Amino acid sequence: MAPLYTALLAVNAIDLLLTRTGLALGVIHEANPWMNWALQHHPILACAVKLAAPIPYIYLHRRFKDRIPWLAATARGLLAIYVAVFILHLRWIYPFFLY
């Protein structure tokens, strides 16, 4: 399960990078109100919030996955959501690198 946690943290970090790039290019806006607030206050605060966000989930998943079998599916589902957002970000940002 450790590779799944690593993948979740990595995709989360990539999402942060792509979000910052999209915001800098003016092609996206932050839809998450907590992240929007953090981004408006300080970039380091936004990084801390974004990278710390999956830690409670990972802790709960590790602690209760044996007692609650459907938790394994939630980890894969969360990873799938992040990958979908990753693809969406690339789709928005990619045209700016063609010109």
C-alpha atoms as a PDB file:
ATOM      1  CA  MET A   1       0.000   0.000   0.000  1.00  0.00           C
ATOM      2  CA  ALA A   2       2.998   2.337   0.411  1.00  0.00           C
ATOM      3  CA  PRO A   3       3.282   2.877  -3.386  1.00  0.00           C
ATOM      4  CA  LEU A   4      -0.344   4.028  -3.386  1.00  0.00           C
ATOM      5  CA  TYR A   5       0.398   6.586  -0.654  1.00  0.00           C
ATOM      6  CA  THR A   6       3.496   7.744  -2.532  1.00  0.00           C
ATOM      7  CA  ALA A   7       1.476   8.073  -5.734  1.00  0.00           C
ATOM      8  CA  LEU A   8      -1.222  10.030  -3.893  1.00  0.00           C
ATOM      9  CA  LEU A   9       1.338  12.469  -2.478  1.00  0.00           C
ATOM     10  CA  ALA A  10       3.137  12.756  -5.830  1.00  0.00           C
ATOM     11  CA  VAL A  11      -0.032  13.469  -7.804  1.00  0.00           C
ATOM     12  CA  ASN A  12      -1.028  15.991  -5.133  1.00  0.00           C
ATOM     13  CA  ALA A  13       2.330  17.778  -5.540  1.00  0.00           C
ATOM     14  CA  ILE A  14       2.013  17.728  -9.343  1.00  0.00           C
ATOM     15  CA  ASP A  15      -1.495  19.159  -9.007  1.00  0.00           C
ATOM     16  CA  LEU A  16      -0.047  22.026  -6.963  1.00  0.00           C
ATOM     17  CA  LEU A  17       2.598  22.702  -9.609  1.00  0.00           C
ATOM     18  CA  LEU A  18       0.076  22.617 -12.458  1.00  0.00           C
ATOM     19  CA  THR A  19      -2.369  24.790 -10.525  1.00  0.00           C
ATOM     20  CA  ARG A  20       0.325  27.416  -9.930  1.00  0.00           C
ATOM     21  CA  THR A  21       1.299  27.275 -13.610  1.00  0.00           C
ATOM     22  CA  GLY A  22      -2.308  27.614 -14.749  1.00  0.00           C
ATOM     23  CA  LEU A  23      -2.904  30.509 -12.375  1.00  0.00           C
ATOM     24  CA  ALA A  24       0.265  32.263 -13.575  1.00  0.00           C
ATOM     25  CA  LEU A  25      -0.840  31.848 -17.201  1.00  0.00           C
ATOM     26  CA  GLY A  26      -4.337  33.046 -16.334  1.00  0.00           C
ATOM     27  CA  VAL A  27      -6.044  29.996 -17.835  1.00  0.00           C
ATOM     28  CA  ILE A  28      -7.546  28.554 -14.642  1.00  0.00           C
ATOM     29  CA  HIS A  29      -8.760  29.678 -11.252  1.00  0.00           C
ATOM     30  CA  GLU A  30      -8.633  27.780  -7.975  1.00  0.00           C
ATOM     31  CA  ALA A  31     -12.044  26.216  -7.338  1.00  0.00           C
ATOM     32  CA  ASN A  32     -11.211  24.967  -3.832  1.00  0.00           C
ATOM     33  CA  PRO A  33     -12.020  27.826  -1.412  1.00  0.00           C
ATOM     34  CA  TRP A  34      -9.397  26.716   1.150  1.00  0.00           C
ATOM     35  CA  MET A  35      -6.654  26.564  -1.454  1.00  0.00           C
ATOM     36  CA  ASN A  36      -7.820  29.828  -2.990  1.00  0.00           C
ATOM     37  CA  TRP A  37      -7.536  31.499   0.425  1.00  0.00           C
ATOM     38  CA  ALA A  38      -4.069  29.990   0.991  1.00  0.00           C
ATOM     39  CA  LEU A  39      -2.870  31.014  -2.500  1.00  0.00           C
ATOM     40  CA  GLN A  40      -4.024  34.585  -1.916  1.00  0.00           C
ATOM     41  CA  HIS A  41      -2.148  34.803   1.394  1.00  0.00           C
ATOM     42  CA  HIS A  42       1.221  33.220   0.612  1.00  0.00           C
ATOM     43  CA  PRO A  43       2.582  30.606  -1.828  1.00  0.00           C
ATOM     44  CA  ILE A  44       4.386  28.715   0.950  1.00  0.00           C
ATOM     45  CA  LEU A  45       1.158  28.505   2.943  1.00  0.00           C
ATOM     46  CA  ALA A  46      -0.557  27.099  -0.154  1.00  0.00           C
ATOM     47  CA  CYS A  47       2.221  24.505  -0.561  1.00  0.00           C
ATOM     48  CA  ALA A  48       1.927  23.487   3.089  1.00  0.00           C
ATOM     49  CA  VAL A  49      -1.858  23.178   2.919  1.00  0.00           C
ATOM     50  CA  LYS A  50      -1.786  21.243  -0.362  1.00  0.00           C
ATOM     51  CA  LEU A  51       0.934  18.809   0.664  1.00  0.00           C
ATOM     52  CA  ALA A  52      -0.482  18.272   4.162  1.00  0.00           C
ATOM     53  CA  ALA A  53      -4.055  17.680   2.954  1.00  0.00           C
ATOM     54  CA  PRO A  54      -3.713  13.925   2.216  1.00  0.00           C
ATOM     55  CA  ILE A  55      -1.878  13.127   5.459  1.00  0.00           C
ATOM     56  CA  PRO A  56      -5.021  12.694   7.645  1.00  0.00           C
ATOM     57  CA  TYR A  57      -6.547  10.459   4.969  1.00  0.00           C
ATOM     58  CA  ILE A  58      -3.382   8.346   4.764  1.00  0.00           C
ATOM     59  CA  TYR A  59      -3.294   8.021   8.555  1.00  0.00           C
ATOM     60  CA  LEU A  60      -6.950   6.940   8.755  1.00  0.00           C
ATOM     61  CA  HIS A  61      -6.527   4.583   5.830  1.00  0.00           C
ATOM     62  CA  ARG A  62      -3.509   2.883   7.398  1.00  0.00           C
ATOM     63  CA  ARG A  63      -5.187   2.675  10.800  1.00  0.00           C
ATOM     64  CA  PHE A  64      -8.595   1.335   9.741  1.00  0.00           C
ATOM     65  CA  LYS A  65      -8.139  -0.395   6.372  1.00  0.00           C
ATOM     66  CA  ASP A  66      -8.246  -3.856   7.988  1.00  0.00           C
ATOM     67  CA  ARG A  67     -11.469  -3.090   9.857  1.00  0.00           C
ATOM     68  CA  ILE A  68     -13.193  -1.214   7.034  1.00  0.00           C
ATOM     69  CA  PRO A  69     -12.600  -3.116   3.769  1.00  0.00           C
ATOM     70  CA  TRP A  70     -14.026  -0.456   1.445  1.00  0.00           C
ATOM     71  CA  LEU A  71     -11.274   1.993   2.466  1.00  0.00           C
ATOM     72  CA  ALA A  72      -8.932   0.416  -0.104  1.00  0.00           C
ATOM     73  CA  ALA A  73     -11.351   1.439  -2.843  1.00  0.00           C
ATOM     74  CA  THR A  74     -11.482   4.998  -1.534  1.00  0.00           C
ATOM     75  CA  ALA A  75      -7.687   5.318  -1.889  1.00  0.00           C
ATOM     76  CA  ARG A  76      -7.830   4.187  -5.487  1.00  0.00           C
ATOM     77  CA  GLY A  77     -10.819   6.453  -6.132  1.00  0.00           C
ATOM     78  CA  LEU A  78      -9.039   9.450  -4.646  1.00  0.00           C
ATOM     79  CA  LEU A  79      -5.995   8.723  -6.784  1.00  0.00           C
ATOM     80  CA  ALA A  80      -8.223   8.437  -9.861  1.00  0.00           C
ATOM     81  CA  ILE A  81      -9.765  11.850  -9.093  1.00  0.00           C
ATOM     82  CA  TYR A  82      -6.318  13.434  -8.794  1.00  0.00           C
ATOM     83  CA  VAL A  83      -5.235  11.861 -12.090  1.00  0.00           C
ATOM     84  CA  ALA A  84      -8.392  13.209 -13.771  1.00  0.00           C
ATOM     85  CA  VAL A  85      -7.673  16.694 -12.421  1.00  0.00           C
ATOM     86  CA  PHE A  86      -4.053  16.311 -13.565  1.00  0.00           C
ATOM     87  CA  ILE A  87      -5.228  15.535 -17.117  1.00  0.00           C
ATOM     88  CA  LEU A  88      -7.669  18.451 -17.024  1.00  0.00           C
ATOM     89  CA  HIS A  89      -4.891  20.833 -15.942  1.00  0.00           C
ATOM     90  CA  LEU A  90      -2.632  19.597 -18.730  1.00  0.00           C
ATOM     91  CA  ARG A  91      -5.416  20.086 -21.239  1.00  0.00           C
ATOM     92  CA  TRP A  92      -5.798  23.722 -20.169  1.00  0.00           C
ATOM     93  CA  ILE A  93      -2.092  24.499 -19.932  1.00  0.00           C
ATOM     94  CA  TYR A  94      -0.700  22.556 -22.903  1.00  0.00           C
ATOM     95  CA  PRO A  95      -1.872  24.998 -25.644  1.00  0.00           C
ATOM     96  CA  PHE A  96       0.186  27.782 -24.063  1.00  0.00           C
ATOM     97  CA  PHE A  97       3.382  25.842 -24.703  1.00  0.00           C
ATOM     98  CA  LEU A  98       2.590  25.351 -28.404  1.00  0.00           C
ATOM     99  CA  TYR A  99       2.909  29.024 -29.332  1.00  0.00           C
END
